[in-house]
Each structure stands twice: as C-alpha cells, then as structure tokens.
Amino acid sequence: MIKKLEKEGIIKEYTMIPDFCKLGYGLLVLTFVRHAKQFDSKELDNITRMGIERARRERSQESIMAERG
C-alpha cells in the first residue's frame, strides 16, 4: 500500500520525529507562519543562518528551523 501511495504521488516525502526529552528540551513550541511569498532553498538557508547567528549572539537555547511545506 505504501509503495502504491508513493507511486501515485500521494506520499511525497518522509520526516522524522525526534524524542525532544532525550535531547534535553523541556518545552516544545511550534509556530507556523504562512508567507505570501514562496522562499527558495537559498533564502531558507539564509533565514536559518540568521537564526543560528542570533541564537549564538544571545546565548539562546532556542532552535530555529525554516522549511517549505
């Protein structure tokens, strides 16, 4: 059934769900934002890089992920 759904394009890709407690996170917060503009891979990499730089500068424990979807 999975192979059929993949072949028909119903299943496009897979993801992983890590165990955040084992990674040392006490709270998981997800924020979804819909932008009018679609970002390309280069723009997403830039957004992620800026987030990492900010977290280092502020010595933050937050993680930032930018992804199309």
PDB file of N, CA and C in Angstrom:
ATOM      1  N   MET A   1       0.830  -1.188   0.000  1.00  0.00           N
ATOM      2  CA  MET A   1       0.000   0.000   0.000  1.00  0.00           C
ATOM      3  C   MET A   1       0.878   1.257   0.000  1.00  0.00           C
ATOM      4  N   ILE A   2       1.948   1.233   0.789  1.00  0.00           N
ATOM      5  CA  ILE A   2       2.839   2.405   0.836  1.00  0.00           C
ATOM      6  C   ILE A   2       3.471   2.647  -0.530  1.00  0.00           C
ATOM      7  N   LYS A   3       3.949   1.598  -1.165  1.00  0.00           N
ATOM      8  CA  LYS A   3       4.563   1.744  -2.494  1.00  0.00           C
ATOM      9  C   LYS A   3       3.560   2.319  -3.500  1.00  0.00           C
ATOM     10  N   LYS A   4       2.316   1.884  -3.417  1.00  0.00           N
ATOM     11  CA  LYS A   4       1.272   2.384  -4.315  1.00  0.00           C
ATOM     12  C   LYS A   4       1.039   3.877  -4.068  1.00  0.00           C
ATOM     13  N   LEU A   5       0.943   4.282  -2.796  1.00  0.00           N
ATOM     14  CA  LEU A   5       0.720   5.694  -2.462  1.00  0.00           C
ATOM     15  C   LEU A   5       1.906   6.550  -2.891  1.00  0.00           C
ATOM     16  N   GLU A   6       3.117   6.011  -2.760  1.00  0.00           N
ATOM     17  CA  GLU A   6       4.302   6.735  -3.229  1.00  0.00           C
ATOM     18  C   GLU A   6       4.259   6.899  -4.749  1.00  0.00           C
ATOM     19  N   LYS A   7       3.940   5.815  -5.444  1.00  0.00           N
ATOM     20  CA  LYS A   7       3.901   5.835  -6.904  1.00  0.00           C
ATOM     21  C   LYS A   7       2.860   6.820  -7.426  1.00  0.00           C
ATOM     22  N   GLU A   8       1.722   6.908  -6.746  1.00  0.00           N
ATOM     23  CA  GLU A   8       0.655   7.819  -7.156  1.00  0.00           C
ATOM     24  C   GLU A   8       0.906   9.262  -6.717  1.00  0.00           C
ATOM     25  N   GLY A   9       2.001   9.487  -5.977  1.00  0.00           N
ATOM     26  CA  GLY A   9       2.337  10.839  -5.548  1.00  0.00           C
ATOM     27  C   GLY A   9       1.555  11.313  -4.341  1.00  0.00           C
ATOM     28  N   ILE A  10       0.826  10.418  -3.695  1.00  0.00           N
ATOM     29  CA  ILE A  10       0.074  10.797  -2.501  1.00  0.00           C
ATOM     30  C   ILE A  10       1.029  10.983  -1.328  1.00  0.00           C
ATOM     31  N   ILE A  11       2.004  10.082  -1.215  1.00  0.00           N
ATOM     32  CA  ILE A  11       3.086  10.254  -0.241  1.00  0.00           C
ATOM     33  C   ILE A  11       4.246  10.865  -1.000  1.00  0.00           C
ATOM     34  N   LYS A  12       4.624  12.087  -0.618  1.00  0.00           N
ATOM     35  CA  LYS A  12       5.681  12.787  -1.339  1.00  0.00           C
ATOM     36  C   LYS A  12       7.034  12.669  -0.651  1.00  0.00           C
ATOM     37  N   GLU A  13       7.042  12.672   0.679  1.00  0.00           N
ATOM     38  CA  GLU A  13       8.300  12.590   1.408  1.00  0.00           C
ATOM     39  C   GLU A  13       8.030  12.127   2.834  1.00  0.00           C
ATOM     40  N   TYR A  14       9.101  11.843   3.532  1.00  0.00           N
ATOM     41  CA  TYR A  14       9.009  11.379   4.913  1.00  0.00           C
ATOM     42  C   TYR A  14       9.734  12.350   5.832  1.00  0.00           C
ATOM     43  N   THR A  15       9.440  12.265   7.116  1.00  0.00           N
ATOM     44  CA  THR A  15      10.098  13.104   8.102  1.00  0.00           C
ATOM     45  C   THR A  15      10.429  12.261   9.325  1.00  0.00           C
ATOM     46  N   MET A  16      11.163  12.831  10.247  1.00  0.00           N
ATOM     47  CA  MET A  16      11.462  12.145  11.498  1.00  0.00           C
ATOM     48  C   MET A  16      10.899  12.963  12.652  1.00  0.00           C
ATOM     49  N   ILE A  17      10.595  12.291  13.729  1.00  0.00           N
ATOM     50  CA  ILE A  17      10.124  12.968  14.934  1.00  0.00           C
ATOM     51  C   ILE A  17      11.075  12.570  16.057  1.00  0.00           C
ATOM     52  N   PRO A  18      11.997  13.455  16.436  1.00  0.00           N
ATOM     53  CA  PRO A  18      12.950  13.114  17.485  1.00  0.00           C
ATOM     54  C   PRO A  18      12.297  13.100  18.865  1.00  0.00           C
ATOM     55  N   ASP A  19      12.931  12.423  19.806  1.00  0.00           N
ATOM     56  CA  ASP A  19      12.491  12.424  21.199  1.00  0.00           C
ATOM     57  C   ASP A  19      13.112  13.656  21.854  1.00  0.00           C
ATOM     58  N   PHE A  20      12.343  14.734  21.954  1.00  0.00           N
ATOM     59  CA  PHE A  20      12.869  16.000  22.450  1.00  0.00           C
ATOM     60  C   PHE A  20      13.295  15.926  23.915  1.00  0.00           C
ATOM     61  N   CYS A  21      12.650  15.104  24.707  1.00  0.00           N
ATOM     62  CA  CYS A  21      13.055  14.940  26.112  1.00  0.00           C
ATOM     63  C   CYS A  21      14.465  14.368  26.187  1.00  0.00           C
ATOM     64  N   LYS A  22      14.766  13.375  25.365  1.00  0.00           N
ATOM     65  CA  LYS A  22      16.103  12.787  25.353  1.00  0.00           C
ATOM     66  C   LYS A  22      17.150  13.772  24.845  1.00  0.00           C
ATOM     67  N   LEU A  23      16.714  14.745  24.058  1.00  0.00           N
ATOM     68  CA  LEU A  23      17.616  15.782  23.568  1.00  0.00           C
ATOM     69  C   LEU A  23      17.798  16.911  24.573  1.00  0.00           C
ATOM     70  N   GLY A  24      17.066  16.849  25.680  1.00  0.00           N
ATOM     71  CA  GLY A  24      17.230  17.845  26.739  1.00  0.00           C
ATOM     72  C   GLY A  24      16.273  19.017  26.671  1.00  0.00           C
ATOM     73  N   TYR A  25      15.255  18.936  25.835  1.00  0.00           N
ATOM     74  CA  TYR A  25      14.286  20.021  25.743  1.00  0.00           C
ATOM     75  C   TYR A  25      13.149  19.782  26.725  1.00  0.00           C
ATOM     76  N   GLY A  26      12.782  20.819  27.468  1.00  0.00           N
ATOM     77  CA  GLY A  26      11.691  20.711  28.415  1.00  0.00           C
ATOM     78  C   GLY A  26      10.371  21.181  27.837  1.00  0.00           C
ATOM     79  N   LEU A  27      10.420  21.981  26.800  1.00  0.00           N
ATOM     80  CA  LEU A  27       9.208  22.543  26.226  1.00  0.00           C
ATOM     81  C   LEU A  27       9.383  22.608  24.710  1.00  0.00           C
ATOM     82  N   LEU A  28       8.389  22.159  24.015  1.00  0.00           N
ATOM     83  CA  LEU A  28       8.418  22.213  22.565  1.00  0.00           C
ATOM     84  C   LEU A  28       7.333  23.165  22.100  1.00  0.00           C
ATOM     85  N   VAL A  29       7.725  24.158  21.335  1.00  0.00           N
ATOM     86  CA  VAL A  29       6.773  25.124  20.793  1.00  0.00           C
ATOM     87  C   VAL A  29       6.970  25.169  19.289  1.00  0.00           C
ATOM     88  N   LEU A  30       5.902  25.014  18.564  1.00  0.00           N
ATOM     89  CA  LEU A  30       5.942  25.106  17.109  1.00  0.00           C
ATOM     90  C   LEU A  30       5.129  26.316  16.680  1.00  0.00           C
ATOM     91  N   THR A  31       5.704  27.130  15.828  1.00  0.00           N
ATOM     92  CA  THR A  31       5.000  28.283  15.296  1.00  0.00           C
ATOM     93  C   THR A  31       4.989  28.153  13.784  1.00  0.00           C
ATOM     94  N   PHE A  32       3.819  28.175  13.221  1.00  0.00           N
ATOM     95  CA  PHE A  32       3.675  28.063  11.776  1.00  0.00           C
ATOM     96  C   PHE A  32       3.264  29.422  11.227  1.00  0.00           C
ATOM     97  N   VAL A  33       3.951  29.843  10.201  1.00  0.00           N
ATOM     98  CA  VAL A  33       3.661  31.129   9.580  1.00  0.00           C
ATOM     99  C   VAL A  33       3.492  30.898   8.089  1.00  0.00           C
ATOM    100  N   ARG A  34       2.441  31.430   7.544  1.00  0.00           N
ATOM    101  CA  ARG A  34       2.241  31.334   6.094  1.00  0.00           C
ATOM    102  C   ARG A  34       2.629  32.676   5.482  1.00  0.00           C
ATOM    103  N   HIS A  35       3.576  32.618   4.590  1.00  0.00           N
ATOM    104  CA  HIS A  35       4.040  33.820   3.900  1.00  0.00           C
ATOM    105  C   HIS A  35       3.385  33.898   2.528  1.00  0.00           C
ATOM    106  N   ALA A  36       3.137  35.094   2.069  1.00  0.00           N
ATOM    107  CA  ALA A  36       2.580  35.275   0.735  1.00  0.00           C
ATOM    108  C   ALA A  36       3.599  34.856  -0.328  1.00  0.00           C
ATOM    109  N   LYS A  37       4.874  34.991   0.039  1.00  0.00           N
ATOM    110  CA  LYS A  37       5.956  34.671  -0.891  1.00  0.00           C
ATOM    111  C   LYS A  37       6.477  33.271  -0.614  1.00  0.00           C
ATOM    112  N   GLN A  38       6.786  32.529  -1.658  1.00  0.00           N
ATOM    113  CA  GLN A  38       7.439  31.224  -1.522  1.00  0.00           C
ATOM    114  C   GLN A  38       8.943  31.453  -1.489  1.00  0.00           C
ATOM    115  N   PHE A  39       9.618  30.871  -0.499  1.00  0.00           N
ATOM    116  CA  PHE A  39      11.063  31.028  -0.382  1.00  0.00           C
ATOM    117  C   PHE A  39      11.768  29.893  -1.116  1.00  0.00           C
ATOM    118  N   ASP A  40      12.854  30.238  -1.802  1.00  0.00           N
ATOM    119  CA  ASP A  40      13.642  29.182  -2.438  1.00  0.00           C
ATOM    120  C   ASP A  40      14.666  28.654  -1.434  1.00  0.00           C
ATOM    121  N   SER A  41      15.403  27.634  -1.823  1.00  0.00           N
ATOM    122  CA  SER A  41      16.350  26.971  -0.913  1.00  0.00           C
ATOM    123  C   SER A  41      17.408  27.934  -0.389  1.00  0.00           C
ATOM    124  N   LYS A  42      17.896  28.804  -1.239  1.00  0.00           N
ATOM    125  CA  LYS A  42      18.928  29.768  -0.819  1.00  0.00           C
ATOM    126  C   LYS A  42      18.376  30.713   0.241  1.00  0.00           C
ATOM    127  N   GLU A  43      17.160  31.191   0.048  1.00  0.00           N
ATOM    128  CA  GLU A  43      16.539  32.084   1.030  1.00  0.00           C
ATOM    129  C   GLU A  43      16.291  31.360   2.358  1.00  0.00           C
ATOM    130  N   LEU A  44      15.858  30.100   2.304  1.00  0.00           N
ATOM    131  CA  LEU A  44      15.644  29.331   3.527  1.00  0.00           C
ATOM    132  C   LEU A  44      16.954  29.115   4.269  1.00  0.00           C
ATOM    133  N   ASP A  45      18.017  28.840   3.540  1.00  0.00           N
ATOM    134  CA  ASP A  45      19.334  28.693   4.172  1.00  0.00           C
ATOM    135  C   ASP A  45      19.748  29.989   4.854  1.00  0.00           C
ATOM    136  N   ASN A  46      19.485  31.116   4.221  1.00  0.00           N
ATOM    137  CA  ASN A  46      19.829  32.419   4.792  1.00  0.00           C
ATOM    138  C   ASN A  46      19.020  32.685   6.061  1.00  0.00           C
ATOM    139  N   ILE A  47      17.740  32.374   6.052  1.00  0.00           N
ATOM    140  CA  ILE A  47      16.892  32.556   7.227  1.00  0.00           C
ATOM    141  C   ILE A  47      17.408  31.697   8.383  1.00  0.00           C
ATOM    142  N   THR A  48      17.735  30.453   8.088  1.00  0.00           N
ATOM    143  CA  THR A  48      18.251  29.546   9.118  1.00  0.00           C
ATOM    144  C   THR A  48      19.578  30.068   9.667  1.00  0.00           C
ATOM    145  N   ARG A  49      20.482  30.512   8.785  1.00  0.00           N
ATOM    146  CA  ARG A  49      21.781  31.051   9.212  1.00  0.00           C
ATOM    147  C   ARG A  49      21.599  32.258  10.129  1.00  0.00           C
ATOM    148  N   MET A  50      20.685  33.168   9.770  1.00  0.00           N
ATOM    149  CA  MET A  50      20.437  34.347  10.609  1.00  0.00           C
ATOM    150  C   MET A  50      19.907  33.931  11.983  1.00  0.00           C
ATOM    151  N   GLY A  51      19.042  32.916  12.020  1.00  0.00           N
ATOM    152  CA  GLY A  51      18.517  32.430  13.293  1.00  0.00           C
ATOM    153  C   GLY A  51      19.600  31.842  14.171  1.00  0.00           C
ATOM    154  N   ILE A  52      20.495  31.078  13.561  1.00  0.00           N
ATOM    155  CA  ILE A  52      21.606  30.475  14.316  1.00  0.00           C
ATOM    156  C   ILE A  52      22.526  31.555  14.853  1.00  0.00           C
ATOM    157  N   GLU A  53      22.850  32.546  14.023  1.00  0.00           N
ATOM    158  CA  GLU A  53      23.710  33.650  14.471  1.00  0.00           C
ATOM    159  C   GLU A  53      23.067  34.404  15.632  1.00  0.00           C
ATOM    160  N   ARG A  54      21.771  34.640  15.551  1.00  0.00           N
ATOM    161  CA  ARG A  54      21.063  35.339  16.635  1.00  0.00           C
ATOM    162  C   ARG A  54      21.098  34.528  17.920  1.00  0.00           C
ATOM    163  N   ALA A  55      20.846  33.222  17.810  1.00  0.00           N
ATOM    164  CA  ALA A  55      20.854  32.357  18.987  1.00  0.00           C
ATOM    165  C   ALA A  55      22.235  32.340  19.640  1.00  0.00           C
ATOM    166  N   ARG A  56      23.298  32.306  18.842  1.00  0.00           N
ATOM    167  CA  ARG A  56      24.667  32.344  19.397  1.00  0.00           C
ATOM    168  C   ARG A  56      24.950  33.675  20.068  1.00  0.00           C
ATOM    169  N   ARG A  57      24.545  34.757  19.419  1.00  0.00           N
ATOM    170  CA  ARG A  57      24.789  36.103  19.946  1.00  0.00           C
ATOM    171  C   ARG A  57      24.091  36.291  21.286  1.00  0.00           C
ATOM    172  N   GLU A  58      22.874  35.783  21.390  1.00  0.00           N
ATOM    173  CA  GLU A  58      22.082  35.957  22.605  1.00  0.00           C
ATOM    174  C   GLU A  58      22.235  34.786  23.573  1.00  0.00           C
ATOM    175  N   ARG A  59      23.099  33.833  23.216  1.00  0.00           N
ATOM    176  CA  ARG A  59      23.313  32.621  24.022  1.00  0.00           C
ATOM    177  C   ARG A  59      21.988  31.953  24.355  1.00  0.00           C
ATOM    178  N   SER A  60      21.165  31.857  23.344  1.00  0.00           N
ATOM    179  CA  SER A  60      19.817  31.319  23.493  1.00  0.00           C
ATOM    180  C   SER A  60      19.824  29.807  23.354  1.00  0.00           C
ATOM    181  N   GLN A  61      18.872  29.159  23.993  1.00  0.00           N
ATOM    182  CA  GLN A  61      18.704  27.717  23.879  1.00  0.00           C
ATOM    183  C   GLN A  61      17.690  27.373  22.790  1.00  0.00           C
ATOM    184  N   GLU A  62      17.132  28.385  22.149  1.00  0.00           N
ATOM    185  CA  GLU A  62      16.096  28.113  21.158  1.00  0.00           C
ATOM    186  C   GLU A  62      16.689  27.552  19.878  1.00  0.00           C
ATOM    187  N   SER A  63      15.898  26.800  19.189  1.00  0.00           N
ATOM    188  CA  SER A  63      16.282  26.264  17.888  1.00  0.00           C
ATOM    189  C   SER A  63      15.346  26.839  16.851  1.00  0.00           C
ATOM    190  N   ILE A  64      15.888  27.146  15.700  1.00  0.00           N
ATOM    191  CA  ILE A  64      15.091  27.723  14.633  1.00  0.00           C
ATOM    192  C   ILE A  64      15.248  26.857  13.397  1.00  0.00           C
ATOM    193  N   MET A  65      14.127  26.543  12.786  1.00  0.00           N
ATOM    194  CA  MET A  65      14.147  25.758  11.558  1.00  0.00           C
ATOM    195  C   MET A  65      13.234  26.449  10.548  1.00  0.00           C
ATOM    196  N   ALA A  66      13.714  26.632   9.376  1.00  0.00           N
ATOM    197  CA  ALA A  66      12.894  27.186   8.295  1.00  0.00           C
ATOM    198  C   ALA A  66      12.746  26.106   7.248  1.00  0.00           C
ATOM    199  N   GLU A  67      11.540  25.860   6.836  1.00  0.00           N
ATOM    200  CA  GLU A  67      11.288  24.773   5.892  1.00  0.00           C
ATOM    201  C   GLU A  67      10.086  25.116   5.038  1.00  0.00           C
ATOM    202  N   ARG A  68      10.144  24.729   3.786  1.00  0.00           N
ATOM    203  CA  ARG A  68       8.979  24.853   2.927  1.00  0.00           C
ATOM    204  C   ARG A  68       8.051  23.690   3.215  1.00  0.00           C
ATOM    205  N   GLY A  69       6.769  23.894   3.076  1.00  0.00           N
ATOM    206  CA  GLY A  69       5.889  22.752   3.297  1.00  0.00           C
ATOM    207  C   GLY A  69       4.441  23.114   3.357  1.00  0.00           C
TER     208      GLY A  69
END
